[in-house]
Amino acid sequence: MSAVTAKGNRLPRYRRRRPVPAMVLLAVLGVLSVFVWTKVFSSAADIEEATRCNPPKTPPSAAADGQQPVVLGQQLGRDALDRTDPVPPGRVLVRVLNANGQRNQATLVAEELYSAGLNKAGDPANDPIYPDFDLHCHAQIRFGPAGAGPARTLSLLVPCAELVRDDRQDATVDLALGERFTDIKPGNETKKVLTTLKEWGERQPGQEGGQVAEAGRPPVDHQTLNRVREVHC
């Protein structure tokens, strides 16, 4: 009997692999990736919607001293300051306003912000823009062109606040408390970022109005800053 025809010495046949399992795997991965990105976009849209505030329903009236009435500025998207560098907390001048009618809340929140290293721009007061205490959201951070950096820092402590840019000429920021506001509860990463900003600021030349020295930028990347603000609102 020939060796090549012996039962125990037959050469193994070449088995062709079917491409179906690989195609199925690719299809499953494609579906999963679409699902993940859909969830990401949906979450971003949900947070944007949750932080949106209602415009004031009461038209502003002229002040008794003849000054122009205070009006709400431009309501911005949640990512409006994503490319803005924050300033050290000690360079943030903030005033807390009561726009929800909660007694003494503005005073308590102001003390929490001062404890976090921010400074006082004015005494807590009722919000002149929402005199009926009908701000139906978490809060608003209001700032002018010179206060973008301070507003960015404040947004790390109040990540669910809507950003509002107005025409004020100084670098002060207002925090108006809405009906859905609870308290200031910075997480560990937020505290770490604020500490980094504080230590960096102590090594920089003194700047007025919350302006950051041009000699350097804070050693905190924007990806980290955005992650700090990724919270459930």
Protein backbone atom coordinates (compact mmCIF):
# COMPACT_ATOMS: atom_id res chain seq x y z
CA MET A 1 0.00 0.00 0.00
CA SER A 2 1.31 3.42 -0.88
CA ALA A 3 2.31 5.62 2.02
CA VAL A 4 0.31 8.57 0.71
CA THR A 5 -2.87 6.50 0.50
CA ALA A 6 -2.58 4.93 3.93
CA LYS A 7 -5.46 5.86 6.24
CA GLY A 8 -3.19 7.12 8.98
CA ASN A 9 -0.99 9.19 6.68
CA ARG A 10 -3.50 11.23 4.71
CA LEU A 11 -2.65 14.91 4.40
CA PRO A 12 -5.15 17.21 6.18
CA ARG A 13 -7.48 19.04 3.89
CA TYR A 14 -7.31 22.82 3.85
CA ARG A 15 -10.35 24.26 5.64
CA ARG A 16 -11.62 27.53 4.27
CA ARG A 17 -12.72 29.93 6.97
CA ARG A 18 -16.05 31.53 6.46
CA PRO A 19 -16.02 35.33 6.64
CA VAL A 20 -19.48 35.44 8.23
CA PRO A 21 -18.38 35.53 11.91
CA ALA A 22 -15.94 38.37 11.24
CA MET A 23 -18.60 40.33 9.36
CA VAL A 24 -21.05 39.80 12.20
CA LEU A 25 -18.46 41.02 14.71
CA LEU A 26 -17.80 44.16 12.66
CA ALA A 27 -21.52 44.81 12.41
CA VAL A 28 -21.95 44.45 16.16
CA LEU A 29 -19.03 46.80 16.84
CA GLY A 30 -20.51 49.32 14.43
CA VAL A 31 -23.87 49.23 16.18
CA LEU A 32 -22.20 49.61 19.58
CA SER A 33 -20.15 52.61 18.44
CA VAL A 34 -23.26 54.31 17.08
CA PHE A 35 -25.03 53.63 20.38
CA VAL A 36 -22.16 55.06 22.43
CA TRP A 37 -21.91 58.25 20.39
CA THR A 38 -25.68 58.64 20.44
CA LYS A 39 -25.57 58.47 24.23
CA VAL A 40 -22.76 61.04 24.33
CA PHE A 41 -24.62 63.51 22.13
CA SER A 42 -27.86 62.84 23.98
CA SER A 43 -26.20 63.46 27.35
CA ALA A 44 -24.65 66.72 26.13
CA ALA A 45 -28.02 67.87 24.80
CA ASP A 46 -29.74 66.89 28.05
CA ILE A 47 -27.24 68.88 30.13
CA GLU A 48 -27.60 71.87 27.81
CA GLU A 49 -31.37 71.73 28.20
CA ALA A 50 -31.15 71.29 31.98
CA THR A 51 -29.00 74.39 32.36
CA ARG A 52 -31.15 76.64 30.18
CA CYS A 53 -32.97 79.40 32.07
CA ASN A 54 -36.16 81.27 31.28
CA PRO A 55 -35.97 84.95 30.30
CA PRO A 56 -37.46 87.41 32.79
CA LYS A 57 -41.18 87.99 32.24
CA THR A 58 -41.29 91.32 34.03
CA PRO A 59 -40.07 94.21 31.85
CA PRO A 60 -37.31 96.16 33.60
CA SER A 61 -38.42 99.51 34.96
CA ALA A 62 -36.33 102.64 35.28
CA ALA A 63 -34.50 103.00 38.57
CA ALA A 64 -35.62 105.63 41.07
CA ASP A 65 -32.35 107.53 40.70
CA GLY A 66 -32.86 107.86 36.96
CA GLN A 67 -30.27 105.25 36.00
CA GLN A 68 -30.88 102.80 33.20
CA PRO A 69 -32.75 99.63 34.24
CA VAL A 70 -30.77 96.43 34.59
CA VAL A 71 -31.52 94.00 31.77
CA LEU A 72 -30.48 90.42 31.15
CA GLY A 73 -27.55 89.99 28.81
CA GLN A 74 -27.04 87.37 26.12
CA GLN A 75 -27.80 83.83 27.25
CA LEU A 76 -24.94 81.63 26.03
CA GLY A 77 -24.48 77.95 25.40
CA ARG A 78 -22.89 75.73 27.99
CA ASP A 79 -19.63 75.54 26.01
CA ALA A 80 -19.24 79.31 25.56
CA LEU A 81 -16.20 79.49 27.86
CA ASP A 82 -14.63 76.15 27.00
CA ARG A 83 -11.66 77.90 25.36
CA THR A 84 -11.28 80.50 28.11
CA ASP A 85 -8.56 80.13 30.73
CA PRO A 86 -9.78 80.32 34.33
CA VAL A 87 -8.20 82.69 36.80
CA PRO A 88 -7.09 81.89 40.35
CA PRO A 89 -10.07 81.90 42.73
CA GLY A 90 -8.66 84.88 44.64
CA ARG A 91 -9.08 87.02 41.52
CA VAL A 92 -12.78 86.28 41.20
CA LEU A 93 -15.01 89.08 42.50
CA VAL A 94 -18.50 87.66 42.87
CA ARG A 95 -21.86 88.95 44.06
CA VAL A 96 -24.65 86.48 44.87
CA LEU A 97 -28.23 87.41 43.95
CA ASN A 98 -31.50 85.94 45.16
CA ALA A 99 -33.67 85.08 42.14
CA ASN A 100 -35.67 82.27 43.74
CA GLY A 101 -37.10 83.78 46.92
CA GLN A 102 -35.23 81.45 49.30
CA ARG A 103 -34.59 83.38 52.49
CA ASN A 104 -30.90 83.82 53.44
CA GLN A 105 -29.74 81.39 50.74
CA ALA A 106 -27.77 84.05 48.87
CA THR A 107 -25.89 84.95 52.05
CA LEU A 108 -25.05 81.33 52.82
CA VAL A 109 -23.89 80.64 49.26
CA ALA A 110 -21.74 83.76 49.30
CA GLU A 111 -19.99 82.50 52.42
CA GLU A 112 -19.38 79.14 50.75
CA LEU A 113 -17.79 80.87 47.77
CA TYR A 114 -15.60 83.01 50.02
CA SER A 115 -14.51 79.84 51.82
CA ALA A 116 -13.51 78.39 48.44
CA GLY A 117 -11.17 81.35 47.93
CA LEU A 118 -13.34 83.71 45.87
CA ASN A 119 -13.68 87.37 46.88
CA LYS A 120 -16.61 89.65 47.47
CA ALA A 121 -17.81 92.05 44.79
CA GLY A 122 -20.86 93.24 46.72
CA ASP A 123 -23.32 92.27 49.39
CA PRO A 124 -25.86 89.54 48.57
CA ALA A 125 -29.11 91.07 47.35
CA ASN A 126 -32.36 90.37 45.56
CA ASP A 127 -31.98 90.02 41.82
CA PRO A 128 -33.23 93.14 40.00
CA ILE A 129 -33.64 91.20 36.75
CA TYR A 130 -35.98 88.61 38.27
CA PRO A 131 -37.83 90.71 40.87
CA ASP A 132 -40.62 88.12 41.07
CA PHE A 133 -38.11 85.41 42.11
CA ASP A 134 -39.07 83.31 39.10
CA LEU A 135 -35.73 82.11 37.75
CA HIS A 136 -36.75 78.55 36.82
CA CYS A 137 -33.34 76.87 36.59
CA HIS A 138 -30.27 76.19 38.71
CA ALA A 139 -28.52 79.54 38.42
CA GLN A 140 -27.02 82.13 36.10
CA ILE A 141 -23.42 83.34 35.95
CA ARG A 142 -23.43 86.87 34.52
CA PHE A 143 -20.26 88.56 33.36
CA GLY A 144 -18.90 91.12 30.95
CA PRO A 145 -16.08 90.88 28.39
CA ALA A 146 -13.44 91.47 31.08
CA GLY A 147 -14.93 88.83 33.36
CA ALA A 148 -14.77 85.75 31.14
CA GLY A 149 -11.87 84.23 33.10
CA PRO A 150 -13.49 84.77 36.51
CA ALA A 151 -16.76 83.40 35.14
CA ARG A 152 -14.92 80.31 33.93
CA THR A 153 -13.53 79.75 37.43
CA LEU A 154 -16.95 80.26 39.04
CA SER A 155 -18.49 77.77 36.61
CA LEU A 156 -16.24 75.07 38.05
CA LEU A 157 -18.02 75.52 41.39
CA VAL A 158 -21.49 75.96 39.88
CA PRO A 159 -21.35 73.72 36.78
CA CYS A 160 -25.13 73.72 36.24
CA ALA A 161 -25.37 77.51 35.97
CA GLU A 162 -26.28 79.15 32.68
CA LEU A 163 -23.71 81.58 31.26
CA VAL A 164 -24.93 85.11 30.51
CA ARG A 165 -22.74 87.81 28.97
CA ASP A 166 -23.73 91.44 29.50
CA ASP A 167 -22.23 94.88 28.92
CA ARG A 168 -20.59 95.52 32.28
CA GLN A 169 -17.16 97.06 31.96
CA ASP A 170 -15.47 95.54 35.00
CA ALA A 171 -14.45 91.94 35.72
CA THR A 172 -17.02 91.26 38.45
CA VAL A 173 -19.41 88.36 38.09
CA ASP A 174 -22.91 87.84 39.45
CA LEU A 175 -24.29 84.49 40.54
CA ALA A 176 -28.10 84.55 40.46
CA LEU A 177 -29.64 81.60 42.31
CA GLY A 178 -32.60 79.89 40.64
CA GLU A 179 -35.35 77.62 41.92
CA ARG A 180 -33.40 74.42 41.24
CA PHE A 181 -30.24 75.54 43.00
CA THR A 182 -29.27 73.56 46.10
CA ASP A 183 -25.77 74.38 47.33
CA ILE A 184 -22.07 74.53 46.47
CA LYS A 185 -20.61 71.01 46.56
CA PRO A 186 -17.25 70.87 44.76
CA GLY A 187 -15.88 67.41 44.13
CA ASN A 188 -12.32 66.32 44.80
CA GLU A 189 -11.20 67.06 41.24
CA THR A 190 -12.73 70.54 41.41
CA LYS A 191 -10.91 71.24 44.66
CA LYS A 192 -7.67 70.02 43.12
CA VAL A 193 -8.10 72.32 40.12
CA LEU A 194 -8.84 75.32 42.36
CA THR A 195 -5.78 74.56 44.49
CA THR A 196 -3.63 74.34 41.36
CA LEU A 197 -4.98 77.69 40.14
CA LYS A 198 -4.40 79.28 43.55
CA GLU A 199 -0.80 78.08 43.77
CA TRP A 200 -0.12 79.13 40.20
CA GLY A 201 -1.63 82.56 40.85
CA GLU A 202 0.65 83.10 43.82
CA ARG A 203 3.64 82.72 41.49
CA GLN A 204 2.30 85.24 38.96
CA PRO A 205 2.59 89.04 39.00
CA GLY A 206 -0.39 90.77 40.59
CA GLN A 207 -3.16 91.52 38.13
CA GLU A 208 -6.18 93.75 38.62
CA GLY A 209 -9.69 93.00 37.49
CA GLY A 210 -9.22 89.27 37.39
CA GLN A 211 -6.89 89.42 34.41
CA VAL A 212 -4.35 86.63 33.99
CA ALA A 213 -0.73 87.56 33.45
CA GLU A 214 0.33 87.22 29.85
CA ALA A 215 3.60 85.58 30.92
CA GLY A 216 1.98 82.19 31.29
CA ARG A 217 -1.18 80.18 31.25
CA PRO A 218 -2.62 78.19 34.15
CA PRO A 219 -1.27 74.62 34.29
CA VAL A 220 -4.72 73.07 33.87
CA ASP A 221 -5.76 71.71 30.48
CA HIS A 222 -9.20 72.42 29.08
CA GLN A 223 -10.05 68.73 28.91
CA THR A 224 -9.74 68.52 32.69
CA LEU A 225 -11.79 71.69 33.14
CA ASN A 226 -14.56 70.37 30.92
CA ARG A 227 -14.56 67.05 32.76
CA VAL A 228 -15.05 68.87 36.07
CA ARG A 229 -18.22 70.42 34.66
CA GLU A 230 -19.61 67.13 33.36
CA VAL A 231 -22.18 66.62 36.09
CA HIS A 232 -25.83 65.64 36.31
CA CYS A 233 -27.93 68.80 36.36
